[in-house]
Amino acid sequence: LGKRQWRIHNPSEVIVEFQMEKRLNARSVAAEPEAEYGKQN
């Protein structure tokens, strides 16, 4: 990403581990084990 001019540490360009509330397809699209991040995000 850095080679393509994306500055990873600049949150106005890239958000690393962008947190979102589970809204759609929450059961079928679980990103990580629930114990690690919680059930709502």
PDB file of all heavy atoms in Angstrom:
ATOM      1  N   LEU A   1       0.838  -1.201   0.000  1.00  0.00           N
ATOM      2  CA  LEU A   1       0.000   0.000   0.000  1.00  0.00           C
ATOM      3  C   LEU A   1       0.877   1.257   0.000  1.00  0.00           C
ATOM      4  O   LEU A   1       0.571   2.238  -0.689  1.00  0.00           O
ATOM      5  CB  LEU A   1      -0.939  -0.004   1.215  1.00  0.00           C
ATOM      6  CG  LEU A   1      -2.127  -0.958   1.129  1.00  0.00           C
ATOM      7  CD1 LEU A   1      -2.815  -1.096   2.487  1.00  0.00           C
ATOM      8  CD2 LEU A   1      -3.118  -0.512   0.076  1.00  0.00           C
ATOM      9  N   GLY A   2       1.966   1.226   0.744  1.00  0.00           N
ATOM     10  CA  GLY A   2       2.894   2.355   0.779  1.00  0.00           C
ATOM     11  C   GLY A   2       3.494   2.656  -0.592  1.00  0.00           C
ATOM     12  O   GLY A   2       3.711   3.814  -0.947  1.00  0.00           O
ATOM     13  N   LYS A   3       3.762   1.624  -1.370  1.00  0.00           N
ATOM     14  CA  LYS A   3       4.295   1.824  -2.727  1.00  0.00           C
ATOM     15  C   LYS A   3       3.315   2.582  -3.612  1.00  0.00           C
ATOM     16  O   LYS A   3       3.700   3.199  -4.590  1.00  0.00           O
ATOM     17  CB  LYS A   3       4.607   0.474  -3.379  1.00  0.00           C
ATOM     18  CG  LYS A   3       5.824  -0.210  -2.841  1.00  0.00           C
ATOM     19  CD  LYS A   3       6.031  -1.528  -3.559  1.00  0.00           C
ATOM     20  CE  LYS A   3       7.162  -2.323  -2.964  1.00  0.00           C
ATOM     21  NZ  LYS A   3       7.303  -3.635  -3.628  1.00  0.00           N
ATOM     22  N   ARG A   4       2.047   2.516  -3.270  1.00  0.00           N
ATOM     23  CA  ARG A   4       1.001   3.206  -4.041  1.00  0.00           C
ATOM     24  C   ARG A   4       0.564   4.501  -3.372  1.00  0.00           C
ATOM     25  O   ARG A   4      -0.551   4.973  -3.579  1.00  0.00           O
ATOM     26  CB  ARG A   4      -0.204   2.280  -4.229  1.00  0.00           C
ATOM     27  CG  ARG A   4       0.118   1.015  -4.954  1.00  0.00           C
ATOM     28  CD  ARG A   4       0.498   1.290  -6.388  1.00  0.00           C
ATOM     29  NE  ARG A   4       0.599   0.026  -7.102  1.00  0.00           N
ATOM     30  CZ  ARG A   4       1.598  -0.283  -7.897  1.00  0.00           C
ATOM     31  NH1 ARG A   4       2.577   0.571  -8.081  1.00  0.00           N
ATOM     32  NH2 ARG A   4       1.627  -1.439  -8.508  1.00  0.00           N
ATOM     33  N   GLN A   5       1.424   5.043  -2.531  1.00  0.00           N
ATOM     34  CA  GLN A   5       1.218   6.351  -1.891  1.00  0.00           C
ATOM     35  C   GLN A   5       0.162   6.360  -0.800  1.00  0.00           C
ATOM     36  O   GLN A   5      -0.326   7.426  -0.414  1.00  0.00           O
ATOM     37  CB  GLN A   5       0.884   7.437  -2.926  1.00  0.00           C
ATOM     38  CG  GLN A   5       1.721   7.451  -4.186  1.00  0.00           C
ATOM     39  CD  GLN A   5       3.207   7.454  -3.936  1.00  0.00           C
ATOM     40  OE1 GLN A   5       3.669   8.246  -3.148  1.00  0.00           O
ATOM     41  NE2 GLN A   5       3.944   6.570  -4.577  1.00  0.00           N
ATOM     42  N   TRP A   6      -0.232   5.207  -0.285  1.00  0.00           N
ATOM     43  CA  TRP A   6      -1.151   5.160   0.845  1.00  0.00           C
ATOM     44  C   TRP A   6      -0.316   5.215   2.110  1.00  0.00           C
ATOM     45  O   TRP A   6       0.541   4.363   2.334  1.00  0.00           O
ATOM     46  CB  TRP A   6      -1.991   3.883   0.833  1.00  0.00           C
ATOM     47  CG  TRP A   6      -2.976   3.827  -0.279  1.00  0.00           C
ATOM     48  CD1 TRP A   6      -2.857   3.124  -1.445  1.00  0.00           C
ATOM     49  CD2 TRP A   6      -4.234   4.491  -0.358  1.00  0.00           C
ATOM     50  NE1 TRP A   6      -3.964   3.318  -2.229  1.00  0.00           N
ATOM     51  CE2 TRP A   6      -4.821   4.153  -1.581  1.00  0.00           C
ATOM     52  CE3 TRP A   6      -4.920   5.347   0.507  1.00  0.00           C
ATOM     53  CZ2 TRP A   6      -6.072   4.629  -1.982  1.00  0.00           C
ATOM     54  CZ3 TRP A   6      -6.162   5.818   0.118  1.00  0.00           C
ATOM     55  CH2 TRP A   6      -6.726   5.461  -1.113  1.00  0.00           C
ATOM     56  N   ARG A   7      -0.570   6.213   2.944  1.00  0.00           N
ATOM     57  CA  ARG A   7       0.155   6.338   4.213  1.00  0.00           C
ATOM     58  C   ARG A   7      -0.650   5.630   5.301  1.00  0.00           C
ATOM     59  O   ARG A   7      -1.639   6.153   5.797  1.00  0.00           O
ATOM     60  CB  ARG A   7       0.388   7.808   4.542  1.00  0.00           C
ATOM     61  CG  ARG A   7       1.326   8.472   3.519  1.00  0.00           C
ATOM     62  CD  ARG A   7       1.555   9.902   3.829  1.00  0.00           C
ATOM     63  NE  ARG A   7       0.283  10.636   3.649  1.00  0.00           N
ATOM     64  CZ  ARG A   7       0.121  11.919   3.875  1.00  0.00           C
ATOM     65  NH1 ARG A   7       1.126  12.646   4.309  1.00  0.00           N
ATOM     66  NH2 ARG A   7      -1.041  12.507   3.682  1.00  0.00           N
ATOM     67  N   ILE A   8      -0.177   4.457   5.647  1.00  0.00           N
ATOM     68  CA  ILE A   8      -0.868   3.571   6.571  1.00  0.00           C
ATOM     69  C   ILE A   8      -1.138   4.226   7.924  1.00  0.00           C
ATOM     70  O   ILE A   8      -2.164   3.985   8.546  1.00  0.00           O
ATOM     71  CB  ILE A   8      -0.046   2.280   6.786  1.00  0.00           C
ATOM     72  CG1 ILE A   8       0.107   1.527   5.466  1.00  0.00           C
ATOM     73  CG2 ILE A   8      -0.679   1.372   7.833  1.00  0.00           C
ATOM     74  CD1 ILE A   8      -1.172   1.059   4.861  1.00  0.00           C
ATOM     75  N   HIS A   9      -0.228   5.053   8.393  1.00  0.00           N
ATOM     76  CA  HIS A   9      -0.363   5.645   9.722  1.00  0.00           C
ATOM     77  C   HIS A   9      -1.103   6.983   9.719  1.00  0.00           C
ATOM     78  O   HIS A   9      -1.152   7.661  10.730  1.00  0.00           O
ATOM     79  CB  HIS A   9       1.022   5.795  10.377  1.00  0.00           C
ATOM     80  CG  HIS A   9       1.723   4.472  10.487  1.00  0.00           C
ATOM     81  ND1 HIS A   9       1.286   3.480  11.323  1.00  0.00           N
ATOM     82  CD2 HIS A   9       2.797   3.973   9.846  1.00  0.00           C
ATOM     83  CE1 HIS A   9       2.070   2.426  11.207  1.00  0.00           C
ATOM     84  NE2 HIS A   9       2.986   2.702  10.307  1.00  0.00           N
ATOM     85  N   ASN A  10      -1.687   7.349   8.576  1.00  0.00           N
ATOM     86  CA  ASN A  10      -2.464   8.576   8.476  1.00  0.00           C
ATOM     87  C   ASN A  10      -3.948   8.205   8.408  1.00  0.00           C
ATOM     88  O   ASN A  10      -4.432   7.746   7.368  1.00  0.00           O
ATOM     89  CB  ASN A  10      -2.050   9.369   7.233  1.00  0.00           C
ATOM     90  CG  ASN A  10      -2.757  10.690   7.129  1.00  0.00           C
ATOM     91  OD1 ASN A  10      -3.764  10.939   7.779  1.00  0.00           O
ATOM     92  ND2 ASN A  10      -2.241  11.561   6.275  1.00  0.00           N
ATOM     93  N   PRO A  11      -4.705   8.384   9.487  1.00  0.00           N
ATOM     94  CA  PRO A  11      -6.111   7.962   9.504  1.00  0.00           C
ATOM     95  C   PRO A  11      -7.026   8.746   8.571  1.00  0.00           C
ATOM     96  O   PRO A  11      -8.184   8.383   8.411  1.00  0.00           O
ATOM     97  CB  PRO A  11      -6.524   8.134  10.966  1.00  0.00           C
ATOM     98  CG  PRO A  11      -5.538   9.072  11.555  1.00  0.00           C
ATOM     99  CD  PRO A  11      -4.266   8.940  10.764  1.00  0.00           C
ATOM    100  N   SER A  12      -6.522   9.799   7.942  1.00  0.00           N
ATOM    101  CA  SER A  12      -7.342  10.478   6.941  1.00  0.00           C
ATOM    102  C   SER A  12      -7.169   9.835   5.561  1.00  0.00           C
ATOM    103  O   SER A  12      -7.833  10.227   4.613  1.00  0.00           O
ATOM    104  CB  SER A  12      -6.998  11.971   6.880  1.00  0.00           C
ATOM    105  OG  SER A  12      -5.705  12.158   6.365  1.00  0.00           O
ATOM    106  N   GLU A  13      -6.278   8.850   5.473  1.00  0.00           N
ATOM    107  CA  GLU A  13      -6.079   8.103   4.229  1.00  0.00           C
ATOM    108  C   GLU A  13      -6.463   6.639   4.377  1.00  0.00           C
ATOM    109  O   GLU A  13      -7.104   6.065   3.510  1.00  0.00           O
ATOM    110  CB  GLU A  13      -4.613   8.182   3.775  1.00  0.00           C
ATOM    111  CG  GLU A  13      -4.206   9.531   3.269  1.00  0.00           C
ATOM    112  CD  GLU A  13      -2.796   9.540   2.732  1.00  0.00           C
ATOM    113  OE1 GLU A  13      -2.286   8.484   2.308  1.00  0.00           O
ATOM    114  OE2 GLU A  13      -2.182  10.614   2.729  1.00  0.00           O
ATOM    115  N   VAL A  14      -5.988   6.027   5.472  1.00  0.00           N
ATOM    116  CA  VAL A  14      -6.194   4.594   5.693  1.00  0.00           C
ATOM    117  C   VAL A  14      -6.602   4.376   7.143  1.00  0.00           C
ATOM    118  O   VAL A  14      -5.934   4.863   8.053  1.00  0.00           O
ATOM    119  CB  VAL A  14      -4.897   3.794   5.414  1.00  0.00           C
ATOM    120  CG1 VAL A  14      -5.112   2.318   5.670  1.00  0.00           C
ATOM    121  CG2 VAL A  14      -4.393   4.031   4.001  1.00  0.00           C
ATOM    122  N   ILE A  15      -7.671   3.640   7.327  1.00  0.00           N
ATOM    123  CA  ILE A  15      -8.036   3.219   8.671  1.00  0.00           C
ATOM    124  C   ILE A  15      -7.726   1.731   8.769  1.00  0.00           C
ATOM    125  O   ILE A  15      -8.291   0.927   8.024  1.00  0.00           O
ATOM    126  CB  ILE A  15      -9.521   3.482   8.984  1.00  0.00           C
ATOM    127  CG1 ILE A  15      -9.820   4.980   8.873  1.00  0.00           C
ATOM    128  CG2 ILE A  15      -9.871   2.959  10.374  1.00  0.00           C
ATOM    129  CD1 ILE A  15     -11.279   5.330   9.039  1.00  0.00           C
ATOM    130  N   VAL A  16      -6.803   1.391   9.644  1.00  0.00           N
ATOM    131  CA  VAL A  16      -6.429  -0.009   9.858  1.00  0.00           C
ATOM    132  C   VAL A  16      -7.372  -0.576  10.901  1.00  0.00           C
ATOM    133  O   VAL A  16      -7.652   0.050  11.916  1.00  0.00           O
ATOM    134  CB  VAL A  16      -4.959  -0.105  10.315  1.00  0.00           C
ATOM    135  CG1 VAL A  16      -4.566  -1.552  10.569  1.00  0.00           C
ATOM    136  CG2 VAL A  16      -4.031   0.522   9.280  1.00  0.00           C
ATOM    137  N   GLU A  17      -7.867  -1.776  10.629  1.00  0.00           N
ATOM    138  CA  GLU A  17      -8.866  -2.416  11.484  1.00  0.00           C
ATOM    139  C   GLU A  17     -10.057  -1.494  11.718  1.00  0.00           C
ATOM    140  O   GLU A  17     -10.376  -1.126  12.837  1.00  0.00           O
ATOM    141  CB  GLU A  17      -8.255  -2.912  12.793  1.00  0.00           C
ATOM    142  CG  GLU A  17      -7.323  -4.071  12.578  1.00  0.00           C
ATOM    143  CD  GLU A  17      -6.979  -4.822  13.848  1.00  0.00           C
ATOM    144  OE1 GLU A  17      -7.442  -4.438  14.932  1.00  0.00           O
ATOM    145  OE2 GLU A  17      -6.251  -5.804  13.738  1.00  0.00           O
ATOM    146  N   PHE A  18     -10.703  -1.143  10.622  1.00  0.00           N
ATOM    147  CA  PHE A  18     -11.881  -0.277  10.664  1.00  0.00           C
ATOM    148  C   PHE A  18     -13.020  -1.001  11.381  1.00  0.00           C
ATOM    149  O   PHE A  18     -13.479  -2.051  10.951  1.00  0.00           O
ATOM    150  CB  PHE A  18     -12.302   0.101   9.238  1.00  0.00           C
ATOM    151  CG  PHE A  18     -13.549   0.914   9.169  1.00  0.00           C
ATOM    152  CD1 PHE A  18     -13.573   2.203   9.661  1.00  0.00           C
ATOM    153  CD2 PHE A  18     -14.707   0.393   8.610  1.00  0.00           C
ATOM    154  CE1 PHE A  18     -14.738   2.969   9.594  1.00  0.00           C
ATOM    155  CE2 PHE A  18     -15.865   1.146   8.538  1.00  0.00           C
ATOM    156  CZ  PHE A  18     -15.874   2.434   9.036  1.00  0.00           C
ATOM    157  N   GLN A  19     -13.445  -0.431  12.487  1.00  0.00           N
ATOM    158  CA  GLN A  19     -14.482  -1.032  13.312  1.00  0.00           C
ATOM    159  C   GLN A  19     -15.853  -0.621  12.820  1.00  0.00           C
ATOM    160  O   GLN A  19     -16.101   0.546  12.529  1.00  0.00           O
ATOM    161  CB  GLN A  19     -14.321  -0.593  14.761  1.00  0.00           C
ATOM    162  CG  GLN A  19     -15.373  -1.153  15.686  1.00  0.00           C
ATOM    163  CD  GLN A  19     -15.190  -0.692  17.122  1.00  0.00           C
ATOM    164  OE1 GLN A  19     -14.151  -0.178  17.488  1.00  0.00           O
ATOM    165  NE2 GLN A  19     -16.216  -0.874  17.922  1.00  0.00           N
ATOM    166  N   MET A  20     -16.730  -1.603  12.716  1.00  0.00           N
ATOM    167  CA  MET A  20     -18.102  -1.314  12.336  1.00  0.00           C
ATOM    168  C   MET A  20     -19.038  -2.209  13.128  1.00  0.00           C
ATOM    169  O   MET A  20     -18.656  -3.278  13.583  1.00  0.00           O
ATOM    170  CB  MET A  20     -18.303  -1.468  10.835  1.00  0.00           C
ATOM    171  CG  MET A  20     -18.077  -2.855  10.307  1.00  0.00           C
ATOM    172  SD  MET A  20     -18.087  -2.904   8.523  1.00  0.00           S
ATOM    173  CE  MET A  20     -16.342  -2.811   8.240  1.00  0.00           C
ATOM    174  N   GLU A  21     -20.218  -1.730  13.289  1.00  0.00           N
ATOM    175  CA  GLU A  21     -21.246  -2.498  13.976  1.00  0.00           C
ATOM    176  C   GLU A  21     -21.733  -3.592  13.041  1.00  0.00           C
ATOM    177  O   GLU A  21     -21.873  -3.367  11.839  1.00  0.00           O
ATOM    178  CB  GLU A  21     -22.398  -1.546  14.305  1.00  0.00           C
ATOM    179  CG  GLU A  21     -23.400  -2.071  15.271  1.00  0.00           C
ATOM    180  CD  GLU A  21     -24.427  -1.004  15.590  1.00  0.00           C
ATOM    181  OE1 GLU A  21     -24.037   0.111  15.974  1.00  0.00           O
ATOM    182  OE2 GLU A  21     -25.623  -1.312  15.421  1.00  0.00           O
ATOM    183  N   LYS A  22     -21.966  -4.762  13.568  1.00  0.00           N
ATOM    184  CA  LYS A  22     -22.519  -5.826  12.740  1.00  0.00           C
ATOM    185  C   LYS A  22     -23.927  -5.428  12.351  1.00  0.00           C
ATOM    186  O   LYS A  22     -24.776  -5.226  13.198  1.00  0.00           O
ATOM    187  CB  LYS A  22     -22.532  -7.150  13.497  1.00  0.00           C
ATOM    188  CG  LYS A  22     -21.171  -7.754  13.659  1.00  0.00           C
ATOM    189  CD  LYS A  22     -21.262  -9.113  14.293  1.00  0.00           C
ATOM    190  CE  LYS A  22     -19.861  -9.652  14.486  1.00  0.00           C
ATOM    191  NZ  LYS A  22     -19.870 -10.965  15.122  1.00  0.00           N
ATOM    192  N   ARG A  23     -24.153  -5.276  11.064  1.00  0.00           N
ATOM    193  CA  ARG A  23     -25.467  -4.846  10.587  1.00  0.00           C
ATOM    194  C   ARG A  23     -26.101  -5.895   9.696  1.00  0.00           C
ATOM    195  O   ARG A  23     -27.178  -6.368   9.945  1.00  0.00           O
ATOM    196  CB  ARG A  23     -25.354  -3.551   9.786  1.00  0.00           C
ATOM    197  CG  ARG A  23     -24.952  -2.366  10.615  1.00  0.00           C
ATOM    198  CD  ARG A  23     -24.675  -1.197   9.675  1.00  0.00           C
ATOM    199  NE  ARG A  23     -24.277  -0.040  10.428  1.00  0.00           N
ATOM    200  CZ  ARG A  23     -25.089   0.950  10.738  1.00  0.00           C
ATOM    201  NH1 ARG A  23     -26.321   0.934  10.339  1.00  0.00           N
ATOM    202  NH2 ARG A  23     -24.669   1.966  11.435  1.00  0.00           N
ATOM    203  N   LEU A  24     -25.415  -6.220   8.613  1.00  0.00           N
ATOM    204  CA  LEU A  24     -25.968  -7.132   7.618  1.00  0.00           C
ATOM    205  C   LEU A  24     -25.157  -8.422   7.589  1.00  0.00           C
ATOM    206  O   LEU A  24     -23.945  -8.399   7.739  1.00  0.00           O
ATOM    207  CB  LEU A  24     -25.920  -6.476   6.230  1.00  0.00           C
ATOM    208  CG  LEU A  24     -26.611  -5.135   6.135  1.00  0.00           C
ATOM    209  CD1 LEU A  24     -26.337  -4.500   4.783  1.00  0.00           C
ATOM    210  CD2 LEU A  24     -28.103  -5.299   6.325  1.00  0.00           C
ATOM    211  N   ASN A  25     -25.820  -9.519   7.401  1.00  0.00           N
ATOM    212  CA  ASN A  25     -25.156 -10.819   7.283  1.00  0.00           C
ATOM    213  C   ASN A  25     -24.236 -11.103   8.461  1.00  0.00           C
ATOM    214  O   ASN A  25     -23.197 -11.726   8.300  1.00  0.00           O
ATOM    215  CB  ASN A  25     -24.335 -10.883   5.982  1.00  0.00           C
ATOM    216  CG  ASN A  25     -25.182 -10.617   4.772  1.00  0.00           C
ATOM    217  OD1 ASN A  25     -26.336 -11.005   4.715  1.00  0.00           O
ATOM    218  ND2 ASN A  25     -24.614  -9.945   3.787  1.00  0.00           N
ATOM    219  N   ALA A  26     -24.569 -10.640   9.626  1.00  0.00           N
ATOM    220  CA  ALA A  26     -23.668 -10.747  10.775  1.00  0.00           C
ATOM    221  C   ALA A  26     -23.316 -12.195  11.090  1.00  0.00           C
ATOM    222  O   ALA A  26     -22.182 -12.493  11.426  1.00  0.00           O
ATOM    223  CB  ALA A  26     -24.301 -10.090  12.000  1.00  0.00           C
ATOM    224  N   ARG A  27     -24.250 -13.100  10.960  1.00  0.00           N
ATOM    225  CA  ARG A  27     -23.954 -14.490  11.295  1.00  0.00           C
ATOM    226  C   ARG A  27     -23.075 -15.145  10.254  1.00  0.00           C
ATOM    227  O   ARG A  27     -22.220 -15.941  10.569  1.00  0.00           O
ATOM    228  CB  ARG A  27     -25.248 -15.275  11.438  1.00  0.00           C
ATOM    229  CG  ARG A  27     -26.011 -14.888  12.672  1.00  0.00           C
ATOM    230  CD  ARG A  27     -27.170 -15.827  12.891  1.00  0.00           C
ATOM    231  NE  ARG A  27     -27.972 -15.283  13.981  1.00  0.00           N
ATOM    232  CZ  ARG A  27     -29.271 -15.141  13.930  1.00  0.00           C
ATOM    233  NH1 ARG A  27     -29.942 -15.501  12.869  1.00  0.00           N
ATOM    234  NH2 ARG A  27     -29.920 -14.637  14.948  1.00  0.00           N
ATOM    235  N   SER A  28     -23.288 -14.820   8.996  1.00  0.00           N
ATOM    236  CA  SER A  28     -22.552 -15.514   7.938  1.00  0.00           C
ATOM    237  C   SER A  28     -21.222 -14.858   7.598  1.00  0.00           C
ATOM    238  O   SER A  28     -20.457 -15.402   6.833  1.00  0.00           O
ATOM    239  CB  SER A  28     -23.413 -15.571   6.666  1.00  0.00           C
ATOM    240  OG  SER A  28     -23.679 -14.268   6.203  1.00  0.00           O
ATOM    241  N   VAL A  29     -20.954 -13.701   8.154  1.00  0.00           N
ATOM    242  CA  VAL A  29     -19.751 -12.980   7.774  1.00  0.00           C
ATOM    243  C   VAL A  29     -18.896 -12.655   8.997  1.00  0.00           C
ATOM    244  O   VAL A  29     -18.224 -11.649   9.032  1.00  0.00           O
ATOM    245  CB  VAL A  29     -20.121 -11.679   7.030  1.00  0.00           C
ATOM    246  CG1 VAL A  29     -18.910 -11.041   6.413  1.00  0.00           C
ATOM    247  CG2 VAL A  29     -21.131 -11.947   5.944  1.00  0.00           C
ATOM    248  N   ALA A  30     -18.900 -13.482   9.998  1.00  0.00           N
ATOM    249  CA  ALA A  30     -18.098 -13.204  11.193  1.00  0.00           C
ATOM    250  C   ALA A  30     -16.638 -13.120  10.803  1.00  0.00           C
ATOM    251  O   ALA A  30     -16.076 -14.052  10.255  1.00  0.00           O
ATOM    252  CB  ALA A  30     -18.310 -14.287  12.238  1.00  0.00           C
ATOM    253  N   ALA A  31     -16.027 -11.977  11.075  1.00  0.00           N
ATOM    254  CA  ALA A  31     -14.656 -11.725  10.649  1.00  0.00           C
ATOM    255  C   ALA A  31     -13.652 -12.453  11.513  1.00  0.00           C
ATOM    256  O   ALA A  31     -12.711 -13.031  11.023  1.00  0.00           O
ATOM    257  CB  ALA A  31     -14.376 -10.228  10.686  1.00  0.00           C
ATOM    258  N   GLU A  32     -13.819 -12.383  12.786  1.00  0.00           N
ATOM    259  CA  GLU A  32     -12.870 -12.951  13.742  1.00  0.00           C
ATOM    260  C   GLU A  32     -13.663 -13.696  14.805  1.00  0.00           C
ATOM    261  O   GLU A  32     -14.856 -13.490  14.947  1.00  0.00           O
ATOM    262  CB  GLU A  32     -12.060 -11.815  14.396  1.00  0.00           C
ATOM    263  CG  GLU A  32     -11.281 -10.967  13.420  1.00  0.00           C
ATOM    264  CD  GLU A  32     -10.164 -11.708  12.722  1.00  0.00           C
ATOM    265  OE1 GLU A  32      -9.672 -12.711  13.259  1.00  0.00           O
ATOM    266  OE2 GLU A  32      -9.786 -11.294  11.625  1.00  0.00           O
ATOM    267  N   PRO A  33     -13.013 -14.548  15.574  1.00  0.00           N
ATOM    268  CA  PRO A  33     -13.747 -15.202  16.656  1.00  0.00           C
ATOM    269  C   PRO A  33     -14.400 -14.171  17.565  1.00  0.00           C
ATOM    270  O   PRO A  33     -13.796 -13.151  17.896  1.00  0.00           O
ATOM    271  CB  PRO A  33     -12.647 -15.966  17.409  1.00  0.00           C
ATOM    272  CG  PRO A  33     -11.554 -16.128  16.413  1.00  0.00           C
ATOM    273  CD  PRO A  33     -11.627 -14.943  15.497  1.00  0.00           C
ATOM    274  N   GLU A  34     -15.645 -14.425  17.952  1.00  0.00           N
ATOM    275  CA  GLU A  34     -16.384 -13.445  18.751  1.00  0.00           C
ATOM    276  C   GLU A  34     -15.703 -13.129  20.065  1.00  0.00           C
ATOM    277  O   GLU A  34     -15.777 -12.023  20.559  1.00  0.00           O
ATOM    278  CB  GLU A  34     -17.805 -13.940  18.992  1.00  0.00           C
ATOM    279  CG  GLU A  34     -18.653 -13.893  17.734  1.00  0.00           C
ATOM    280  CD  GLU A  34     -20.079 -14.321  17.981  1.00  0.00           C
ATOM    281  OE1 GLU A  34     -20.399 -14.843  19.072  1.00  0.00           O
ATOM    282  OE2 GLU A  34     -20.894 -14.139  17.077  1.00  0.00           O
ATOM    283  N   ALA A  35     -15.024 -14.104  20.632  1.00  0.00           N
ATOM    284  CA  ALA A  35     -14.369 -13.878  21.919  1.00  0.00           C
ATOM    285  C   ALA A  35     -13.285 -12.811  21.814  1.00  0.00           C
ATOM    286  O   ALA A  35     -13.019 -12.081  22.757  1.00  0.00           O
ATOM    287  CB  ALA A  35     -13.766 -15.177  22.430  1.00  0.00           C
ATOM    288  N   GLU A  36     -12.664 -12.710  20.623  1.00  0.00           N
ATOM    289  CA  GLU A  36     -11.576 -11.748  20.458  1.00  0.00           C
ATOM    290  C   GLU A  36     -12.075 -10.311  20.372  1.00  0.00           C
ATOM    291  O   GLU A  36     -11.488  -9.401  20.932  1.00  0.00           O
ATOM    292  CB  GLU A  36     -10.775 -12.102  19.201  1.00  0.00           C
ATOM    293  CG  GLU A  36      -9.529 -11.269  19.037  1.00  0.00           C
ATOM    294  CD  GLU A  36      -8.668 -11.746  17.881  1.00  0.00           C
ATOM    295  OE1 GLU A  36      -8.861 -12.866  17.410  1.00  0.00           O
ATOM    296  OE2 GLU A  36      -7.803 -10.955  17.460  1.00  0.00           O
ATOM    297  N   TYR A  37     -13.158 -10.065  19.650  1.00  0.00           N
ATOM    298  CA  TYR A  37     -13.610  -8.696  19.426  1.00  0.00           C
ATOM    299  C   TYR A  37     -14.976  -8.378  20.017  1.00  0.00           C
ATOM    300  O   TYR A  37     -15.380  -7.246  20.075  1.00  0.00           O
ATOM    301  CB  TYR A  37     -13.661  -8.391  17.924  1.00  0.00           C
ATOM    302  CG  TYR A  37     -12.314  -8.257  17.294  1.00  0.00           C
ATOM    303  CD1 TYR A  37     -11.938  -9.049  16.228  1.00  0.00           C
ATOM    304  CD2 TYR A  37     -11.397  -7.317  17.768  1.00  0.00           C
ATOM    305  CE1 TYR A  37     -10.695  -8.919  15.653  1.00  0.00           C
ATOM    306  CE2 TYR A  37     -10.150  -7.189  17.186  1.00  0.00           C
ATOM    307  CZ  TYR A  37      -9.818  -7.989  16.131  1.00  0.00           C
ATOM    308  OH  TYR A  37      -8.598  -7.856  15.554  1.00  0.00           O
ATOM    309  N   GLY A  38     -15.720  -9.365  20.418  1.00  0.00           N
ATOM    310  CA  GLY A  38     -17.055  -9.110  20.942  1.00  0.00           C
ATOM    311  C   GLY A  38     -18.105  -9.382  19.881  1.00  0.00           C
ATOM    312  O   GLY A  38     -17.796  -9.498  18.707  1.00  0.00           O
ATOM    313  N   LYS A  39     -19.327  -9.465  20.326  1.00  0.00           N
ATOM    314  CA  LYS A  39     -20.409  -9.875  19.434  1.00  0.00           C
ATOM    315  C   LYS A  39     -20.998  -8.742  18.615  1.00  0.00           C
ATOM    316  O   LYS A  39     -21.625  -8.975  17.601  1.00  0.00           O
ATOM    317  CB  LYS A  39     -21.517 -10.530  20.254  1.00  0.00           C
ATOM    318  CG  LYS A  39     -21.078 -11.811  20.913  1.00  0.00           C
ATOM    319  CD  LYS A  39     -22.212 -12.422  21.695  1.00  0.00           C
ATOM    320  CE  LYS A  39     -21.733 -13.711  22.355  1.00  0.00           C
ATOM    321  NZ  LYS A  39     -22.794 -14.362  23.100  1.00  0.00           N
ATOM    322  N   GLN A  40     -20.823  -7.507  19.007  1.00  0.00           N
ATOM    323  CA  GLN A  40     -21.495  -6.407  18.342  1.00  0.00           C
ATOM    324  C   GLN A  40     -20.675  -5.722  17.255  1.00  0.00           C
ATOM    325  O   GLN A  40     -21.190  -4.905  16.523  1.00  0.00           O
ATOM    326  CB  GLN A  40     -21.922  -5.356  19.379  1.00  0.00           C
ATOM    327  CG  GLN A  40     -22.876  -5.896  20.418  1.00  0.00           C
ATOM    328  CD  GLN A  40     -24.125  -6.512  19.796  1.00  0.00           C
ATOM    329  OE1 GLN A  40     -24.727  -5.933  18.893  1.00  0.00           O
ATOM    330  NE2 GLN A  40     -24.509  -7.686  20.256  1.00  0.00           N
ATOM    331  N   ASN A  41     -19.388  -6.020  17.159  1.00  0.00           N
ATOM    332  CA  ASN A  41     -18.521  -5.333  16.200  1.00  0.00           C
ATOM    333  C   ASN A  41     -17.794  -6.317  15.309  1.00  0.00           C
ATOM    334  O   ASN A  41     -17.605  -7.472  15.652  1.00  0.00           O
ATOM    335  CB  ASN A  41     -17.487  -4.478  16.943  1.00  0.00           C
ATOM    336  CG  ASN A  41     -18.136  -3.386  17.751  1.00  0.00           C
ATOM    337  OD1 ASN A  41     -19.016  -2.692  17.267  1.00  0.00           O
ATOM    338  ND2 ASN A  41     -17.727  -3.245  18.985  1.00  0.00           N
TER     339      ASN A  41
END
